[in-house]
Amino acid sequence: MLAGTVPTTDEGVVDAVCDAYSSIARDGTHTEYAEAVAKAFGYTVEQLKSIPADSHMGLSCGNPVAVASIKEGETVLDLGSGAGIDVLLAAQKVGPKGQAIGLDMSIDMINLARKNATQQGYRPPQVVFIQTKLTKPLPVATASVDCILSNCVINLLPDTGKAALMKEIYRVLKPGSRLVVDDIIARKPFPDTVRSDLSAYIGCISGALQLEQYRALMKDAGFTDAFFVETGGDLEVYKAAGPTGGDAPTSDPSTKCCVATASPLPQTTIGNLNEWAASYQIYAKKVSSDNEPADKSPPALNRWWDAYPKDSLASDEVASLLRDPERSDYAIIDVRENDRVGGHVLGSVQWRADEFAGSLDKFYDEYGKTEQVIFYCGSSKGRGSRCAAWYQDYLNGKGHTESKACVLEGGYHGWRYPDLVDGASSL
């Protein structure tokens, strides 16, 4: 799948990792393989049955949710959320009053995770997936998160990225809140032949820090009492688990050496992985005396809907639709509540934003075959954009392409066509 050497620049490393994991998201992996890896690193049968099969792809090296003591109503952030396994398990614990957020740099992984969330009946803002590079400042408010998870991801970042991310983790945690990381840690210094092996890097081995390096990384970020536990997980499971290629498992042991492994990870030639590295679980807390009191923490995401896809239409484009008697393949949705003084765009249907998320099924039944569904509120940056994001995410989760969500740029305050306005009383 991958061959060659690790790029010499941090940006090159990030791009190589993103390309590899995007390919995994698009191509998928064998269910048997994914389940074997998940069970090997601590996921229970009950946990795996409670989430879509596509949400776990054999990329974990532990089960951080199992020890994170996640409580109802908490805000949980998963770094490198992949297809969504840990976010969906966390969502079960935080409940409708909590929030589970996943960050990943691969848009293909993000799209797959959003689809899995929709399949489970989860919608933003309870469950949110956002594309971002973990080497950049996190799009999360300071001191806003109760628990941060990460599962076999930090080792994939370049060393400067690892350090920057750990400082960002400390920043976004509430005082007294916790970090649970499952990661790969090197047992010994790697020779250049291993450090430069791209397959070994993508496979979570050659980018791993040694234990004392990892301790220093966390201490430098502010975590003074990080607790490291070697889990004993067999890293060779990445090479040996599951069927051995093709569309179905082979039943002939004599053919095993002649077909590709089912692992979605690139296969390295460095030998037994357990000789080079080990799986660890790392637990740490942010000291409670820092920053603001935890009971005054801000929302983690100020505008989650900005990360979700939706189209924008300028006022003149919408006006052209309204003036064309041949066009009927659109609907205009006014999501305002009682702030509709001055009327509304001609032909609007009111569907209040405060009721929208809970009525998506009904809305889809009514408008799922409408090519363009145009949302607006007073401006173009609030409720209209939020409802459009909800609807487009719902469509994407269903794999539905007949309809798409649009936002009226400028909202009603930017509407400049008095001949295309109805009075509020007519709705």
Protein backbone atom coordinates (compact mmCIF):
# COMPACT_ATOMS: atom_id res chain seq x y z
CA MET A 1 0.00 0.00 0.00
CA LEU A 2 2.78 2.42 0.91
CA ALA A 3 6.48 2.28 0.28
CA GLY A 4 9.35 4.69 0.61
CA THR A 5 10.81 6.89 3.29
CA VAL A 6 9.27 9.24 5.83
CA PRO A 7 9.08 12.80 4.44
CA THR A 8 11.71 15.19 5.76
CA THR A 9 9.30 18.02 6.60
CA ASP A 10 6.58 18.10 9.25
CA GLU A 11 4.01 19.09 6.64
CA GLY A 12 5.06 16.15 4.49
CA VAL A 13 4.64 13.75 7.41
CA VAL A 14 1.16 15.06 8.18
CA ASP A 15 0.13 14.82 4.52
CA ALA A 16 1.43 11.26 4.21
CA VAL A 17 -0.49 10.16 7.30
CA CYS A 18 -3.64 11.93 6.13
CA ASP A 19 -3.43 10.33 2.68
CA ALA A 20 -3.01 6.86 4.17
CA TYR A 21 -5.89 7.09 6.63
CA SER A 22 -8.14 8.76 4.05
CA SER A 23 -7.55 5.75 1.84
CA ILE A 24 -8.54 3.45 4.70
CA ALA A 25 -11.76 5.44 5.23
CA ARG A 26 -12.65 5.17 1.54
CA ASP A 27 -11.71 1.50 1.10
CA GLY A 28 -12.91 0.17 4.45
CA THR A 29 -11.62 -2.97 6.12
CA HIS A 30 -12.75 -6.49 6.90
CA THR A 31 -15.22 -6.64 9.77
CA GLU A 32 -13.49 -9.72 11.17
CA TYR A 33 -10.14 -7.97 11.20
CA ALA A 34 -11.52 -4.81 12.81
CA GLU A 35 -13.30 -6.78 15.53
CA ALA A 36 -10.22 -8.90 16.25
CA VAL A 37 -8.05 -5.81 16.75
CA ALA A 38 -10.70 -4.05 18.83
CA LYS A 39 -11.11 -7.04 21.13
CA ALA A 40 -7.35 -7.47 21.42
CA PHE A 41 -7.07 -3.94 22.80
CA GLY A 42 -9.92 -4.09 25.29
CA TYR A 43 -13.24 -3.40 23.58
CA THR A 44 -16.02 -5.70 24.72
CA VAL A 45 -18.46 -7.56 22.52
CA GLU A 46 -21.26 -5.45 24.00
CA GLN A 47 -19.50 -2.19 23.11
CA LEU A 48 -18.87 -3.28 19.53
CA LYS A 49 -22.48 -4.40 19.08
CA SER A 50 -23.73 -1.03 20.32
CA ILE A 51 -22.15 0.98 17.47
CA PRO A 52 -22.00 0.65 13.66
CA ALA A 53 -19.43 -1.83 12.38
CA ASP A 54 -17.92 0.88 10.15
CA SER A 55 -17.02 2.97 13.20
CA HIS A 56 -14.16 0.64 14.20
CA MET A 57 -11.58 -0.19 11.53
CA GLY A 58 -8.78 -2.01 13.34
CA LEU A 59 -6.80 1.17 14.04
CA SER A 60 -6.93 1.26 17.85
CA CYS A 61 -4.27 0.34 20.38
CA GLY A 62 -6.49 0.53 23.47
CA ASN A 63 -9.91 1.45 24.82
CA PRO A 64 -9.70 4.87 26.52
CA VAL A 65 -13.47 5.08 27.12
CA ALA A 66 -13.29 2.06 29.43
CA VAL A 67 -11.24 3.90 32.07
CA ALA A 68 -12.20 7.54 31.45
CA SER A 69 -15.07 7.55 34.00
CA ILE A 70 -17.21 9.61 31.63
CA LYS A 71 -20.31 11.02 33.30
CA GLU A 72 -23.67 12.21 32.06
CA GLY A 73 -23.64 15.82 30.93
CA GLU A 74 -19.86 16.04 30.39
CA THR A 75 -18.05 17.40 27.34
CA VAL A 76 -15.69 14.81 25.84
CA LEU A 77 -13.14 15.51 23.09
CA ASP A 78 -11.55 12.74 21.01
CA LEU A 79 -8.34 13.64 19.15
CA GLY A 80 -7.93 11.71 15.93
CA SER A 81 -11.46 10.35 16.05
CA GLY A 82 -11.26 8.29 12.86
CA ALA A 83 -14.54 6.59 11.99
CA GLY A 84 -16.00 7.51 15.38
CA ILE A 85 -15.69 4.48 17.67
CA ASP A 86 -14.67 6.33 20.86
CA VAL A 87 -16.90 9.34 20.22
CA LEU A 88 -19.96 7.13 19.80
CA LEU A 89 -19.14 5.14 22.93
CA ALA A 90 -18.60 8.39 24.84
CA ALA A 91 -21.91 9.76 23.53
CA GLN A 92 -23.71 6.86 25.19
CA LYS A 93 -22.31 8.01 28.52
CA VAL A 94 -22.66 11.80 28.27
CA GLY A 95 -26.30 11.55 27.19
CA PRO A 96 -28.39 14.25 25.50
CA LYS A 97 -27.21 16.97 27.90
CA GLY A 98 -23.54 16.26 27.23
CA GLN A 99 -21.39 16.58 24.14
CA ALA A 100 -18.98 14.23 22.37
CA ILE A 101 -16.65 15.93 19.87
CA GLY A 102 -14.34 14.25 17.38
CA LEU A 103 -11.44 15.96 15.60
CA ASP A 104 -9.65 14.37 12.65
CA MET A 105 -7.54 15.70 9.80
CA SER A 106 -9.02 13.38 7.14
CA ILE A 107 -12.26 14.62 5.58
CA ASP A 108 -12.94 11.04 4.48
CA MET A 109 -12.78 9.87 8.09
CA ILE A 110 -14.94 12.82 9.16
CA ASN A 111 -17.58 11.99 6.55
CA LEU A 112 -17.61 8.34 7.60
CA ALA A 113 -17.88 9.25 11.28
CA ARG A 114 -20.76 11.64 10.61
CA LYS A 115 -22.55 8.91 8.69
CA ASN A 116 -22.05 6.49 11.58
CA ALA A 117 -23.37 9.06 14.04
CA THR A 118 -26.49 9.61 11.94
CA GLN A 119 -27.01 5.85 11.78
CA GLN A 120 -27.01 5.83 15.59
CA GLY A 121 -29.48 8.70 15.75
CA TYR A 122 -26.93 11.21 17.07
CA ARG A 123 -27.03 14.78 15.81
CA PRO A 124 -25.02 17.90 16.44
CA PRO A 125 -24.39 19.47 18.87
CA GLN A 126 -24.57 16.31 21.03
CA VAL A 127 -22.17 14.54 18.65
CA VAL A 128 -19.97 16.69 16.42
CA PHE A 129 -17.12 15.77 14.06
CA ILE A 130 -14.79 18.50 12.80
CA GLN A 131 -11.94 18.32 10.31
CA THR A 132 -8.76 19.95 11.58
CA LYS A 133 -5.04 19.24 11.74
CA LEU A 134 -3.96 18.28 15.24
CA THR A 135 -0.68 20.08 14.65
CA LYS A 136 -2.61 23.37 14.61
CA PRO A 137 -4.41 25.16 17.49
CA LEU A 138 -7.54 23.19 18.33
CA PRO A 139 -10.87 24.84 17.41
CA VAL A 140 -12.02 24.41 21.02
CA ALA A 141 -12.47 27.00 23.77
CA THR A 142 -9.98 27.26 26.64
CA ALA A 143 -10.91 25.34 29.81
CA SER A 144 -14.08 23.91 28.26
CA VAL A 145 -13.59 20.12 28.14
CA ASP A 146 -14.15 17.58 30.93
CA CYS A 147 -12.32 14.65 29.36
CA ILE A 148 -9.97 14.26 26.40
CA LEU A 149 -9.40 10.92 24.68
CA SER A 150 -6.93 9.84 22.04
CA ASN A 151 -6.37 6.37 20.64
CA CYS A 152 -3.19 5.50 18.71
CA VAL A 153 -2.90 8.95 17.12
CA ILE A 154 -0.29 11.11 18.87
CA ASN A 155 2.52 8.80 17.70
CA LEU A 156 1.54 9.66 14.11
CA LEU A 157 2.37 13.35 14.52
CA PRO A 158 5.83 14.82 13.89
CA ASP A 159 7.70 15.57 17.11
CA THR A 160 6.95 19.31 17.02
CA GLY A 161 3.30 18.45 16.42
CA LYS A 162 3.25 16.13 19.42
CA ALA A 163 4.54 18.91 21.66
CA ALA A 164 2.13 21.49 20.29
CA LEU A 165 -0.85 19.17 20.65
CA MET A 166 -0.04 18.31 24.26
CA LYS A 167 0.02 22.02 25.14
CA GLU A 168 -3.30 22.48 23.37
CA ILE A 169 -4.73 19.56 25.35
CA TYR A 170 -3.73 21.27 28.57
CA ARG A 171 -5.25 24.55 27.38
CA VAL A 172 -8.71 23.20 26.51
CA LEU A 173 -9.14 20.97 29.58
CA LYS A 174 -11.11 22.39 32.48
CA PRO A 175 -9.12 22.69 35.71
CA GLY A 176 -9.19 19.33 37.47
CA SER A 177 -10.30 17.49 34.32
CA ARG A 178 -8.59 14.52 32.75
CA LEU A 179 -6.78 13.11 29.76
CA VAL A 180 -6.83 9.42 28.78
CA VAL A 181 -4.52 8.43 25.93
CA ASP A 182 -3.84 5.02 24.43
CA ASP A 183 -0.68 5.20 22.38
CA ILE A 184 2.36 3.32 21.11
CA ILE A 185 5.65 3.95 22.94
CA ALA A 186 9.06 2.83 21.68
CA ARG A 187 10.93 0.24 23.72
CA LYS A 188 14.35 1.35 22.47
CA PRO A 189 15.97 3.88 20.14
CA PHE A 190 15.15 3.21 16.51
CA PRO A 191 17.92 2.95 13.94
CA ASP A 192 17.64 5.19 10.91
CA THR A 193 16.34 2.28 8.81
CA VAL A 194 13.27 2.04 11.07
CA ARG A 195 12.82 5.78 11.66
CA SER A 196 12.78 6.38 7.90
CA ASP A 197 10.44 3.48 7.04
CA LEU A 198 7.20 5.12 5.87
CA SER A 199 5.19 1.92 6.28
CA ALA A 200 6.38 1.59 9.87
CA TYR A 201 5.49 5.24 10.50
CA ILE A 202 1.96 4.97 9.06
CA GLY A 203 1.63 1.72 11.03
CA CYS A 204 2.13 3.65 14.31
CA ILE A 205 5.60 2.30 15.12
CA SER A 206 8.51 4.43 13.94
CA GLY A 207 6.99 7.75 15.01
CA ALA A 208 6.68 6.56 18.61
CA LEU A 209 8.56 8.28 21.43
CA GLN A 210 10.41 6.41 24.15
CA LEU A 211 8.85 6.42 27.61
CA GLU A 212 11.04 9.12 29.13
CA GLN A 213 10.57 11.32 26.07
CA TYR A 214 6.81 10.97 26.43
CA ARG A 215 6.99 11.82 30.14
CA ALA A 216 9.02 14.94 29.35
CA LEU A 217 6.55 15.94 26.65
CA MET A 218 3.64 15.83 29.09
CA LYS A 219 5.52 17.55 31.88
CA ASP A 220 6.50 20.37 29.57
CA ALA A 221 2.83 20.83 28.65
CA GLY A 222 1.85 21.13 32.33
CA PHE A 223 0.91 17.56 33.30
CA THR A 224 3.06 17.01 36.38
CA ASP A 225 1.72 13.62 37.47
CA ALA A 226 1.01 11.62 34.33
CA PHE A 227 0.51 7.90 34.98
CA PHE A 228 1.80 5.39 32.35
CA VAL A 229 0.68 1.75 32.21
CA GLU A 230 1.89 -0.78 29.67
CA THR A 231 -1.25 -2.66 28.61
CA GLY A 232 0.39 -5.81 27.28
CA GLY A 233 -1.49 -5.59 23.99
CA ASP A 234 0.05 -7.71 21.24
CA LEU A 235 1.00 -5.37 18.39
CA GLU A 236 1.42 -8.34 16.08
CA VAL A 237 -2.38 -8.50 15.95
CA TYR A 238 -2.16 -5.77 13.31
CA LYS A 239 -0.48 -8.28 11.02
CA ALA A 240 -2.12 -11.53 12.07
CA ALA A 241 -5.76 -10.84 12.92
CA GLY A 242 -8.76 -11.50 10.75
CA PRO A 243 -9.09 -12.93 7.24
CA THR A 244 -6.09 -13.00 4.97
CA GLY A 245 -7.28 -11.01 2.00
CA GLY A 246 -9.79 -11.24 -0.79
CA ASP A 247 -13.52 -10.98 -0.26
CA ALA A 248 -13.74 -13.77 2.33
CA PRO A 249 -11.48 -15.63 4.76
CA THR A 250 -9.45 -18.43 3.29
CA SER A 251 -9.87 -21.89 4.81
CA ASP A 252 -6.66 -23.28 3.35
CA PRO A 253 -3.70 -22.64 5.68
CA SER A 254 -1.29 -23.46 2.87
CA THR A 255 -2.34 -20.32 1.01
CA LYS A 256 -1.87 -17.92 3.91
CA CYS A 257 1.63 -16.90 2.95
CA CYS A 258 0.61 -16.11 -0.59
CA VAL A 259 -2.16 -13.56 -0.05
CA ALA A 260 -2.30 -10.10 1.43
CA THR A 261 -3.20 -9.48 5.03
CA ALA A 262 -6.61 -8.00 5.79
CA SER A 263 -5.03 -5.18 7.76
CA PRO A 264 -5.74 -1.75 6.28
CA LEU A 265 -2.37 -0.57 7.61
CA PRO A 266 0.70 -0.82 5.37
CA GLN A 267 2.86 -3.82 6.19
CA THR A 268 6.38 -3.10 7.33
CA THR A 269 9.38 -5.43 7.15
CA ILE A 270 10.98 -4.42 10.46
CA GLY A 271 10.11 -7.72 12.14
CA ASN A 272 8.16 -8.44 15.32
CA LEU A 273 6.45 -5.19 16.29
CA ASN A 274 6.48 -6.07 20.00
CA GLU A 275 10.28 -6.00 19.99
CA TRP A 276 10.24 -2.37 18.90
CA ALA A 277 7.30 -0.87 20.75
CA ALA A 278 4.45 -1.42 23.22
CA SER A 279 0.92 -0.18 23.77
CA TYR A 280 0.48 2.12 26.78
CA GLN A 281 -2.41 3.82 28.48
CA ILE A 282 -1.64 7.26 29.87
CA TYR A 283 -3.76 9.06 32.45
CA ALA A 284 -3.26 12.65 33.56
CA LYS A 285 -5.16 15.55 35.13
CA LYS A 286 -4.92 19.28 34.66
CA VAL A 287 -4.06 20.92 37.97
CA SER A 288 -7.21 22.45 39.44
CA SER A 289 -5.68 25.81 40.38
CA ASP A 290 -5.17 26.96 36.79
CA ASN A 291 -7.38 29.29 34.73
CA GLU A 292 -11.07 29.78 35.48
CA PRO A 293 -13.15 27.72 37.90
CA ALA A 294 -14.62 24.63 36.23
CA ASP A 295 -18.20 25.71 36.96
CA LYS A 296 -17.74 28.81 34.78
CA SER A 297 -16.39 27.03 31.73
CA PRO A 298 -17.50 28.22 28.26
CA PRO A 299 -19.08 26.02 25.58
CA ALA A 300 -16.39 23.96 23.88
CA LEU A 301 -17.61 24.88 20.40
CA ASN A 302 -18.98 28.33 19.71
CA ARG A 303 -20.30 27.62 16.21
CA TRP A 304 -20.20 23.89 15.50
CA TRP A 305 -22.30 24.31 12.35
CA ASP A 306 -19.54 26.19 10.54
CA ALA A 307 -17.71 22.86 10.19
CA TYR A 308 -20.65 21.17 8.45
CA PRO A 309 -21.26 21.32 4.70
CA LYS A 310 -23.97 23.51 3.19
CA ASP A 311 -24.19 25.74 0.14
CA SER A 312 -24.81 29.50 0.13
CA LEU A 313 -27.06 31.40 -2.24
CA ALA A 314 -26.92 35.16 -2.74
CA SER A 315 -30.14 37.17 -2.56
CA ASP A 316 -30.17 37.77 -6.31
CA GLU A 317 -29.96 34.02 -6.95
CA VAL A 318 -32.94 33.36 -4.71
CA ALA A 319 -34.82 36.27 -6.28
CA SER A 320 -34.19 34.76 -9.73
CA LEU A 321 -35.69 31.48 -8.56
CA LEU A 322 -38.79 33.26 -7.27
CA ARG A 323 -39.26 35.18 -10.53
CA ASP A 324 -38.93 32.12 -12.73
CA PRO A 325 -42.39 30.54 -13.16
CA GLU A 326 -40.77 27.37 -14.50
CA ARG A 327 -38.83 26.70 -11.30
CA SER A 328 -40.46 24.67 -8.55
CA ASP A 329 -37.55 22.51 -7.42
CA TYR A 330 -36.79 24.54 -4.29
CA ALA A 331 -38.21 25.44 -0.89
CA ILE A 332 -37.49 28.49 1.26
CA ILE A 333 -37.49 27.87 5.01
CA ASP A 334 -37.78 30.68 7.55
CA VAL A 335 -36.37 29.40 10.86
CA ARG A 336 -37.05 32.53 12.90
CA GLU A 337 -39.36 32.39 15.88
CA ASN A 338 -41.09 35.63 16.94
CA ASP A 339 -38.56 38.04 15.45
CA ARG A 340 -40.20 38.20 12.02
CA VAL A 341 -41.29 41.85 12.03
CA GLY A 342 -41.37 43.21 8.50
CA GLY A 343 -42.51 40.04 6.80
CA HIS A 344 -40.62 37.21 5.15
CA VAL A 345 -39.21 36.16 1.79
CA LEU A 346 -42.04 35.40 -0.63
CA GLY A 347 -43.20 31.79 -0.43
CA SER A 348 -41.35 31.02 2.81
CA VAL A 349 -42.45 28.21 5.06
CA GLN A 350 -41.79 28.70 8.76
CA TRP A 351 -39.96 25.89 10.60
CA ARG A 352 -38.66 27.19 13.88
CA ALA A 353 -34.99 26.59 14.67
CA ASP A 354 -35.70 25.61 18.26
CA GLU A 355 -37.82 22.70 17.01
CA PHE A 356 -35.80 21.77 13.94
CA ALA A 357 -33.32 19.19 15.26
CA GLY A 358 -36.10 17.20 16.90
CA SER A 359 -38.18 17.12 13.73
CA LEU A 360 -35.56 16.24 11.12
CA ASP A 361 -37.29 12.97 10.24
CA LYS A 362 -40.55 14.82 9.55
CA PHE A 363 -38.72 17.57 7.65
CA TYR A 364 -36.94 15.00 5.50
CA ASP A 365 -40.21 13.26 4.68
CA GLU A 366 -41.56 16.55 3.41
CA TYR A 367 -38.52 17.98 1.61
CA GLY A 368 -36.25 15.03 0.87
CA LYS A 369 -37.12 15.18 -2.83
CA THR A 370 -36.73 18.96 -3.09
CA GLU A 371 -33.54 19.82 -4.96
CA GLN A 372 -32.67 23.02 -3.06
CA VAL A 373 -33.84 23.74 0.47
CA ILE A 374 -32.93 27.33 1.33
CA PHE A 375 -32.77 28.30 5.00
CA TYR A 376 -32.65 31.77 6.48
CA CYS A 377 -33.00 33.68 9.71
CA GLY A 378 -32.30 37.36 10.41
CA SER A 379 -28.68 37.07 9.27
CA SER A 380 -26.74 34.32 7.48
CA LYS A 381 -24.57 33.32 10.44
CA GLY A 382 -26.99 31.99 13.03
CA ARG A 383 -30.05 29.79 13.10
CA GLY A 384 -30.42 29.51 9.33
CA SER A 385 -26.87 28.24 8.92
CA ARG A 386 -27.28 25.89 11.89
CA CYS A 387 -30.48 24.34 10.51
CA ALA A 388 -28.91 23.98 7.07
CA ALA A 389 -26.00 22.13 8.66
CA TRP A 390 -28.38 19.81 10.52
CA TYR A 391 -30.29 19.03 7.34
CA GLN A 392 -27.22 18.50 5.12
CA ASP A 393 -25.61 16.25 7.72
CA TYR A 394 -28.83 14.26 7.90
CA LEU A 395 -28.86 13.89 4.11
CA ASN A 396 -25.20 12.85 4.02
CA GLY A 397 -25.77 10.26 6.73
CA LYS A 398 -28.50 8.69 4.63
CA GLY A 399 -26.39 8.87 1.48
CA HIS A 400 -29.18 10.98 -0.04
CA THR A 401 -28.23 13.23 -2.97
CA GLU A 402 -31.61 14.31 -4.37
CA SER A 403 -31.79 17.26 -1.97
CA LYS A 404 -29.24 19.70 -0.60
CA ALA A 405 -29.21 22.41 2.05
CA CYS A 406 -28.52 26.05 1.20
CA VAL A 407 -28.22 29.22 3.26
CA LEU A 408 -29.54 32.60 2.14
CA GLU A 409 -26.55 34.95 2.36
CA GLY A 410 -27.30 37.91 4.59
CA GLY A 411 -30.56 36.41 5.81
CA TYR A 412 -33.71 38.48 5.87
CA HIS A 413 -31.81 41.58 6.99
CA GLY A 414 -29.91 41.44 3.68
CA TRP A 415 -33.00 40.91 1.51
CA ARG A 416 -33.44 43.88 -0.85
CA TYR A 417 -36.44 42.86 -2.94
CA PRO A 418 -39.60 44.48 -1.51
CA ASP A 419 -41.68 43.04 -4.36
CA LEU A 420 -40.69 39.55 -3.15
CA VAL A 421 -41.85 39.94 0.46
CA ASP A 422 -44.95 38.60 2.15
CA GLY A 423 -46.39 40.02 5.36
CA ALA A 424 -45.84 38.02 8.52
CA SER A 425 -49.57 37.54 8.96
CA SER A 426 -49.83 35.47 5.79
CA LEU A 427 -47.83 32.58 7.21
